[in-house]
């Protein structure tokens, strides 16, 4: 028996294995990248809305009034990824001093944080007192300085439609975030106009 002679079946199997191995490796790598893509398409977890106590602390700091209390008025169910989340009445004693509307904006951007903010209005719902960011802005891992951008909203009329780069200055490096915030501020203002308080509830 000639031991130098190789079994044809073994040789064929070896050739087949060598030929198919790159294909298997290619398919495996594609399966992994597909799996990663599916994971990227899964909805991002929502940053939780601060508790009423945390919201109240921010409002008290903005208006420098430690006597204010927060009363829940309305909550969206289920909570949207973009849109109004909740509305509160900010009370001074038994009178409404301000109105607070919390909103979100989902940014279709893999390197940006979504917008979570609140609009503080006067009791009559006529003017925007201040915009409160409830989560910091981040683009490509770097925090965005929003102080100057947010300052321009103080005192704006609820009747005024806000338009980025028209009557609202943008913010460099955070165009999606700025645009989303402006869009939701318009939605919040419309909600406030449609939900007037009774005269006896106002200051």
Protein backbone atom coordinates (compact mmCIF):
# COMPACT_ATOMS: atom_id res chain seq x y z
CA UNK A 1 0.00 0.00 0.00
CA UNK A 2 1.40 3.39 -1.04
CA UNK A 3 1.28 5.70 2.01
CA UNK A 4 2.47 8.72 -0.02
CA UNK A 5 -0.73 8.68 -1.99
CA UNK A 6 -3.43 10.88 -0.42
CA UNK A 7 -7.04 9.87 -0.13
CA UNK A 8 -9.04 11.70 -2.88
CA UNK A 9 -11.92 12.36 -0.49
CA UNK A 10 -9.62 13.99 2.04
CA UNK A 11 -7.99 16.06 -0.68
CA UNK A 12 -11.35 17.20 -2.02
CA UNK A 13 -12.52 18.13 1.47
CA UNK A 14 -9.33 20.13 2.06
CA UNK A 15 -9.71 22.03 -1.22
CA UNK A 16 -13.37 22.73 -0.43
CA UNK A 17 -12.49 23.97 3.05
CA UNK A 18 -9.79 26.30 1.72
CA UNK A 19 -12.19 27.63 -0.93
CA UNK A 20 -15.14 28.17 1.44
CA UNK A 21 -13.26 29.56 4.45
CA UNK A 22 -13.05 33.16 3.11
CA UNK A 23 -16.78 33.03 2.29
CA UNK A 24 -17.61 31.95 5.84
CA UNK A 25 -15.43 34.70 7.28
CA UNK A 26 -17.02 37.32 5.03
CA UNK A 27 -20.54 36.21 5.98
CA UNK A 28 -19.61 36.26 9.68
CA UNK A 29 -18.28 39.81 9.45
CA UNK A 30 -21.40 40.96 7.56
CA UNK A 31 -23.63 39.34 10.16
CA UNK A 32 -21.79 41.22 12.91
CA UNK A 33 -22.09 44.56 11.14
CA UNK A 34 -25.79 43.91 10.46
CA UNK A 35 -26.25 43.12 14.15
CA UNK A 36 -24.54 46.40 15.05
CA UNK A 37 -26.77 48.30 12.62
CA UNK A 38 -29.89 46.76 14.16
CA UNK A 39 -28.66 47.81 17.61
CA UNK A 40 -28.15 51.38 16.36
CA UNK A 41 -31.74 51.46 15.07
CA UNK A 42 -33.15 50.49 18.46
CA UNK A 43 -34.71 53.50 20.21
CA UNK A 44 -32.39 55.34 22.58
CA UNK A 45 -33.49 55.29 26.21
CA UNK A 46 -35.14 58.56 27.19
CA UNK A 47 -33.30 60.78 29.64
CA UNK A 48 -35.69 60.91 32.60
CA UNK A 49 -37.58 64.12 33.29
CA UNK A 50 -36.40 65.67 36.57
CA UNK A 51 -38.66 65.16 39.57
CA UNK A 52 -41.11 67.96 40.50
CA UNK A 53 -38.76 68.90 43.34
CA UNK A 54 -35.83 69.27 40.92
CA UNK A 55 -37.95 71.27 38.48
CA UNK A 56 -39.14 73.55 41.27
CA UNK A 57 -35.55 74.15 42.41
CA UNK A 58 -34.61 75.30 38.90
CA UNK A 59 -37.65 77.60 38.64
CA UNK A 60 -36.93 79.13 42.08
CA UNK A 61 -33.36 79.79 41.01
CA UNK A 62 -34.39 81.47 37.72
CA UNK A 63 -36.95 83.83 39.29
CA UNK A 64 -35.21 84.17 42.69
CA UNK A 65 -38.31 83.25 44.69
CA UNK A 66 -38.03 80.48 47.28
CA UNK A 67 -41.74 80.62 48.21
CA UNK A 68 -42.99 79.06 44.96
CA UNK A 69 -44.64 75.64 44.80
CA UNK A 70 -45.25 73.35 41.82
CA UNK A 71 -48.65 71.83 41.04
CA UNK A 72 -49.01 69.22 38.32
CA UNK A 73 -51.48 70.16 35.63
CA UNK A 74 -51.12 67.71 32.74
CA UNK A 75 -48.91 64.76 31.76
CA UNK A 76 -48.62 63.06 28.35
CA UNK A 77 -49.29 59.33 28.34
CA UNK A 78 -47.40 57.62 26.88
CA UNK A 79 -44.46 59.98 27.08
CA UNK A 80 -43.44 61.02 23.55
CA UNK A 81 -39.89 60.97 22.18
CA UNK A 82 -40.70 64.35 20.60
CA UNK A 83 -43.38 66.71 21.86
CA UNK A 84 -44.87 68.07 25.07
CA UNK A 85 -44.28 65.88 28.12
CA UNK A 86 -45.96 67.69 31.02
CA UNK A 87 -47.33 71.03 32.19
CA UNK A 88 -47.29 72.53 35.68
CA UNK A 89 -48.69 75.53 37.48
CA UNK A 90 -46.12 77.37 39.57
CA UNK A 91 -47.96 78.71 42.60
CA UNK A 92 -47.25 81.59 44.97
CA UNK A 93 -49.59 80.88 47.83
CA UNK A 94 -52.96 80.05 46.25
CA UNK A 95 -52.35 82.06 43.08
CA UNK A 96 -50.69 81.00 39.82
CA UNK A 97 -47.42 82.90 39.37
CA UNK A 98 -46.02 81.05 36.33
CA UNK A 99 -46.72 78.16 34.01
CA UNK A 100 -44.13 75.53 33.15
CA UNK A 101 -44.24 73.27 30.08
CA UNK A 102 -41.73 70.41 29.71
CA UNK A 103 -40.89 69.07 26.25
CA UNK A 104 -38.56 66.74 24.36
CA UNK A 105 -37.12 66.67 20.86
CA UNK A 106 -35.67 63.48 19.37
CA UNK A 107 -32.64 64.29 17.22
CA UNK A 108 -31.90 61.84 14.42
CA UNK A 109 -28.18 62.26 14.95
CA UNK A 110 -25.84 59.58 16.25
CA UNK A 111 -23.40 62.09 17.77
CA UNK A 112 -25.92 64.45 19.48
CA UNK A 113 -27.94 64.29 22.69
CA UNK A 114 -31.69 64.75 22.40
CA UNK A 115 -33.29 67.95 23.69
CA UNK A 116 -35.04 67.89 27.08
CA UNK A 117 -36.13 71.34 28.24
CA UNK A 118 -38.90 73.37 29.84
CA UNK A 119 -40.47 76.71 28.98
CA UNK A 120 -41.41 78.99 31.88
CA UNK A 121 -44.26 81.41 31.05
CA UNK A 122 -45.89 84.19 33.02
CA UNK A 123 -49.22 83.42 34.70
CA UNK A 124 -51.26 84.96 31.89
CA UNK A 125 -49.43 82.87 29.30
CA UNK A 126 -48.47 86.02 27.39
CA UNK A 127 -44.68 85.88 27.55
CA UNK A 128 -41.83 83.42 27.87
CA UNK A 129 -39.90 84.11 31.07
CA UNK A 130 -37.03 81.70 30.46
CA UNK A 131 -36.07 78.39 28.85
CA UNK A 132 -34.63 75.79 31.23
CA UNK A 133 -32.40 73.08 29.82
CA UNK A 134 -33.12 69.87 31.74
CA UNK A 135 -30.28 67.95 30.10
CA UNK A 136 -27.00 69.30 28.76
CA UNK A 137 -26.28 69.47 25.04
CA UNK A 138 -23.48 67.39 23.65
CA UNK A 139 -22.13 67.06 20.11
CA UNK A 140 -19.44 64.47 19.33
CA UNK A 141 -18.74 63.99 23.02
CA UNK A 142 -18.22 67.71 23.75
CA UNK A 143 -20.60 69.82 25.80
CA UNK A 144 -22.16 72.83 24.08
CA UNK A 145 -22.26 76.22 25.81
CA UNK A 146 -25.90 77.28 25.58
CA UNK A 147 -26.01 80.31 27.92
CA UNK A 148 -25.99 82.98 25.21
CA UNK A 149 -28.37 81.04 22.99
CA UNK A 150 -30.98 80.59 25.74
CA UNK A 151 -30.77 84.20 26.94
CA UNK A 152 -32.46 85.46 23.75
CA UNK A 153 -35.78 83.77 24.61
CA UNK A 154 -36.46 85.69 27.82
CA UNK A 155 -39.43 88.03 27.44
CA UNK A 156 -40.48 86.78 23.98
CA UNK A 157 -44.22 86.99 23.29
CA UNK A 158 -46.13 83.72 23.18
CA UNK A 159 -47.86 85.01 20.04
CA UNK A 160 -44.53 85.33 18.19
CA UNK A 161 -43.59 82.39 15.99
CA UNK A 162 -39.94 81.59 16.53
CA UNK A 163 -37.85 80.80 13.44
CA UNK A 164 -34.22 79.74 13.66
CA UNK A 165 -31.88 82.09 11.75
CA UNK A 166 -34.76 84.53 11.16
CA UNK A 167 -35.78 85.92 14.57
CA UNK A 168 -33.73 83.44 16.62
CA UNK A 169 -29.93 83.28 16.43
CA UNK A 170 -28.57 79.75 16.03
CA UNK A 171 -25.78 78.15 17.97
CA UNK A 172 -22.61 77.02 16.25
CA UNK A 173 -22.12 73.25 16.25
CA UNK A 174 -25.61 72.47 17.57
CA UNK A 175 -27.95 73.26 14.68
CA UNK A 176 -30.16 70.18 15.19
CA UNK A 177 -30.51 70.86 18.92
CA UNK A 178 -31.28 74.55 18.40
CA UNK A 179 -33.80 73.81 15.66
CA UNK A 180 -35.51 71.13 17.77
CA UNK A 181 -35.76 73.43 20.77
CA UNK A 182 -37.26 76.24 18.68
CA UNK A 183 -39.79 73.85 17.13
CA UNK A 184 -40.91 72.60 20.53
CA UNK A 185 -41.06 76.12 21.96
CA UNK A 186 -43.57 76.98 19.24
CA UNK A 187 -45.58 73.86 20.15
CA UNK A 188 -45.48 74.76 23.85
CA UNK A 189 -46.54 78.36 23.14
CA UNK A 190 -49.50 77.13 21.08
CA UNK A 191 -50.53 74.81 23.94
CA UNK A 192 -50.35 77.66 26.47
CA UNK A 193 -52.47 79.91 24.23
CA UNK A 194 -55.08 77.15 23.92
CA UNK A 195 -55.16 76.52 27.70
CA UNK A 196 -55.88 79.91 29.28
CA UNK A 197 -56.15 80.06 33.06
CA UNK A 198 -59.32 81.25 34.73
CA UNK A 199 -59.03 84.93 35.73
CA UNK A 200 -59.41 84.16 39.45
CA UNK A 201 -56.45 81.74 39.29
CA UNK A 202 -54.09 84.41 38.00
CA UNK A 203 -52.18 86.97 40.02
